Amino acid sequence: MRTTRINDELFGKLEHKNNFWRGKTTIKMFGEEKEILLSIDAYENTDFSNVQKEVFLNFIQDMENIMNKAEKHIYDYYMENYEEYREMIGNKLEANQVVPNIYSVSDLKKLVEPAELIVRRVRKNGKRRLGLLCDVSWDSENGIGIKIEDEGVEEAGYQDIVL
């Protein structure tokens, strides 16, 4: 099976795997630069749409603002749900490690690790769509997804909101 590789002027070096073009990108989250997986939702034999290029460019240019909103959404999600996660763990010592009480967005830095930025295909509504997947201490199996549409952060929750 041959692997298709390209070097796109915007997205960089990419490889086509499992219906996505995959590469790397760097984002800044909680004040730290992180290299994460970049996945662009496109068929092997098609060009990326202008909307996909636009959403990625807009994200890069306005990253600080978008990521600040994303961090706030994760914080709100955490604050709404952490007690439930603590109860599921049961063991207080372990819960304090995995789902600690936090008091600010920056406290999430130790609990949330960005993993993948997905540039979604365009739907009929024409919205520019991104999904940011993060690994999180309190749900290692599912992590968390941040849904970004037209450069606005819509919601944070289970990863399936962006998949």
Protein backbone atom coordinates (compact mmCIF):
# COMPACT_ATOMS: atom_id res chain seq x y z
CA MET A 1 0.00 0.00 0.00
CA ARG A 2 1.56 3.25 -1.06
CA THR A 3 1.32 6.26 1.16
CA THR A 4 0.46 9.59 -0.36
CA ARG A 5 2.56 12.43 1.00
CA ILE A 6 2.44 16.08 0.09
CA ASN A 7 4.07 19.27 1.27
CA ASP A 8 1.31 21.87 1.29
CA GLU A 9 2.37 25.52 1.42
CA LEU A 10 -0.17 26.26 4.15
CA PHE A 11 -0.53 23.00 6.09
CA GLY A 12 3.04 21.73 5.69
CA LYS A 13 4.07 18.10 5.34
CA LEU A 14 1.06 15.81 5.26
CA GLU A 15 0.37 12.15 4.82
CA HIS A 16 -3.00 10.67 3.81
CA LYS A 17 -4.21 8.19 6.46
CA ASN A 18 -7.73 6.99 7.39
CA ASN A 19 -9.56 9.60 5.29
CA PHE A 20 -7.57 12.50 6.71
CA TRP A 21 -4.46 14.32 5.67
CA ARG A 22 -2.29 14.21 8.76
CA GLY A 23 0.63 16.36 9.79
CA LYS A 24 1.77 18.51 12.68
CA THR A 25 1.05 22.03 13.81
CA THR A 26 1.98 24.11 16.81
CA ILE A 27 -0.59 25.78 19.00
CA LYS A 28 -0.30 27.83 22.15
CA MET A 29 -2.46 26.70 25.04
CA PHE A 30 -2.23 27.82 28.65
CA GLY A 31 0.72 29.97 27.63
CA GLU A 32 2.79 27.08 26.31
CA GLU A 33 3.58 26.11 22.74
CA LYS A 34 2.67 22.52 21.96
CA GLU A 35 3.20 20.52 18.80
CA ILE A 36 0.06 18.55 18.08
CA LEU A 37 -1.42 16.40 15.34
CA LEU A 38 -3.06 18.29 12.47
CA SER A 39 -5.80 16.45 10.59
CA ILE A 40 -7.50 17.85 7.52
CA ASP A 41 -10.73 16.18 6.50
CA ALA A 42 -10.30 15.62 2.75
CA TYR A 43 -10.17 12.84 0.20
CA GLU A 44 -6.79 11.74 -1.06
CA ASN A 45 -7.38 12.97 -4.60
CA THR A 46 -9.00 16.31 -3.86
CA ASP A 47 -7.64 19.71 -3.06
CA PHE A 48 -8.36 21.37 0.23
CA SER A 49 -11.28 23.74 0.00
CA ASN A 50 -10.79 27.47 0.27
CA VAL A 51 -12.93 27.38 3.40
CA GLN A 52 -10.56 24.87 5.01
CA LYS A 53 -7.56 27.03 4.15
CA GLU A 54 -9.38 30.10 5.42
CA VAL A 55 -10.39 28.55 8.77
CA PHE A 56 -6.84 27.35 9.41
CA LEU A 57 -5.34 30.72 8.48
CA ASN A 58 -7.86 32.57 10.63
CA PHE A 59 -7.11 30.22 13.51
CA ILE A 60 -3.35 30.77 13.22
CA GLN A 61 -3.78 34.55 13.00
CA ASP A 62 -6.26 34.80 15.87
CA MET A 63 -4.97 31.88 17.90
CA GLU A 64 -4.51 33.73 21.18
CA ASN A 65 -8.07 35.00 21.20
CA ILE A 66 -9.60 31.68 20.07
CA MET A 67 -7.51 29.65 22.52
CA ASN A 68 -8.42 31.96 25.40
CA LYS A 69 -12.08 31.28 24.67
CA ALA A 70 -11.41 27.55 24.31
CA GLU A 71 -9.63 27.48 27.67
CA LYS A 72 -12.55 29.29 29.29
CA HIS A 73 -15.01 26.78 27.77
CA ILE A 74 -12.93 23.88 29.12
CA TYR A 75 -12.85 25.56 32.52
CA ASP A 76 -16.65 26.01 32.52
CA TYR A 77 -17.10 22.40 31.43
CA TYR A 78 -14.76 21.24 34.18
CA MET A 79 -16.49 23.31 36.84
CA GLU A 80 -19.88 21.90 35.80
CA ASN A 81 -18.73 18.29 35.80
CA TYR A 82 -15.77 17.77 38.11
CA GLU A 83 -17.78 16.77 41.17
CA GLU A 84 -19.40 13.97 39.19
CA TYR A 85 -15.96 12.77 38.01
CA ARG A 86 -14.68 12.92 41.60
CA GLU A 87 -17.58 10.75 42.75
CA MET A 88 -16.90 8.22 40.00
CA ILE A 89 -13.33 7.84 41.23
CA GLY A 90 -14.42 7.42 44.82
CA ASN A 91 -10.94 7.41 46.32
CA LYS A 92 -10.38 10.96 47.60
CA LEU A 93 -6.60 10.85 47.28
CA GLU A 94 -6.80 9.73 43.67
CA ALA A 95 -9.58 12.20 42.95
CA ASN A 96 -7.39 15.03 44.23
CA GLN A 97 -4.72 14.00 41.72
CA VAL A 98 -6.94 13.39 38.71
CA VAL A 99 -9.82 15.81 39.32
CA PRO A 100 -8.52 18.41 41.74
CA ASN A 101 -10.44 21.47 42.91
CA ILE A 102 -9.27 24.29 40.69
CA TYR A 103 -9.71 28.02 41.00
CA SER A 104 -8.65 29.46 37.66
CA VAL A 105 -8.25 28.64 33.99
CA SER A 106 -4.47 28.40 34.43
CA ASP A 107 -4.98 25.55 36.91
CA LEU A 108 -6.10 23.45 33.93
CA LYS A 109 -2.56 23.50 32.52
CA LYS A 110 -1.64 20.40 34.51
CA LEU A 111 -4.85 18.58 33.58
CA VAL A 112 -5.35 19.28 29.87
CA GLU A 113 -3.00 18.44 27.03
CA PRO A 114 -3.90 19.49 23.46
CA ALA A 115 -3.60 16.51 21.11
CA GLU A 116 -5.11 17.20 17.70
CA LEU A 117 -6.52 20.01 15.58
CA ILE A 118 -9.06 18.85 13.01
CA VAL A 119 -9.88 20.99 10.00
CA ARG A 120 -13.37 19.78 9.15
CA ARG A 121 -14.92 19.47 5.75
CA VAL A 122 -17.43 22.14 4.82
CA ARG A 123 -21.08 21.29 5.33
CA LYS A 124 -24.02 22.81 3.51
CA ASN A 125 -24.33 25.62 6.06
CA GLY A 126 -20.92 26.83 4.84
CA LYS A 127 -19.51 27.29 8.34
CA ARG A 128 -15.77 27.18 8.86
CA ARG A 129 -15.24 24.32 11.29
CA LEU A 130 -12.38 23.24 13.50
CA GLY A 131 -12.22 20.69 16.25
CA LEU A 132 -9.59 20.66 18.95
CA LEU A 133 -9.11 17.39 20.79
CA CYS A 134 -7.39 17.33 24.16
CA ASP A 135 -6.30 14.59 26.50
CA VAL A 136 -7.50 15.26 30.03
CA SER A 137 -6.57 13.81 33.40
CA TRP A 138 -10.15 13.19 34.49
CA ASP A 139 -11.23 11.16 31.44
CA SER A 140 -8.23 9.45 29.88
CA GLU A 141 -10.42 7.31 27.65
CA ASN A 142 -12.48 10.04 26.00
CA GLY A 143 -10.64 13.28 26.49
CA ILE A 144 -12.45 16.46 25.54
CA GLY A 145 -13.37 18.17 22.29
CA ILE A 146 -13.68 21.88 21.58
CA LYS A 147 -15.95 22.80 18.70
CA ILE A 148 -14.92 25.95 16.83
CA GLU A 149 -17.17 27.41 14.13
CA ASP A 150 -16.47 30.59 12.17
CA GLU A 151 -13.65 31.34 14.63
CA GLY A 152 -16.07 31.24 17.56
CA VAL A 153 -15.77 28.62 20.27
CA GLU A 154 -19.16 26.90 20.36
CA GLU A 155 -18.74 24.30 23.10
CA ALA A 156 -16.48 21.95 24.99
CA GLY A 157 -17.52 18.41 25.81
CA TYR A 158 -17.10 14.81 24.78
CA GLN A 159 -14.88 14.48 21.73
CA ASP A 160 -17.76 13.32 19.55
CA ILE A 161 -19.00 16.92 19.30
CA VAL A 162 -16.12 17.55 16.91
CA LEU A 163 -15.74 14.15 15.28
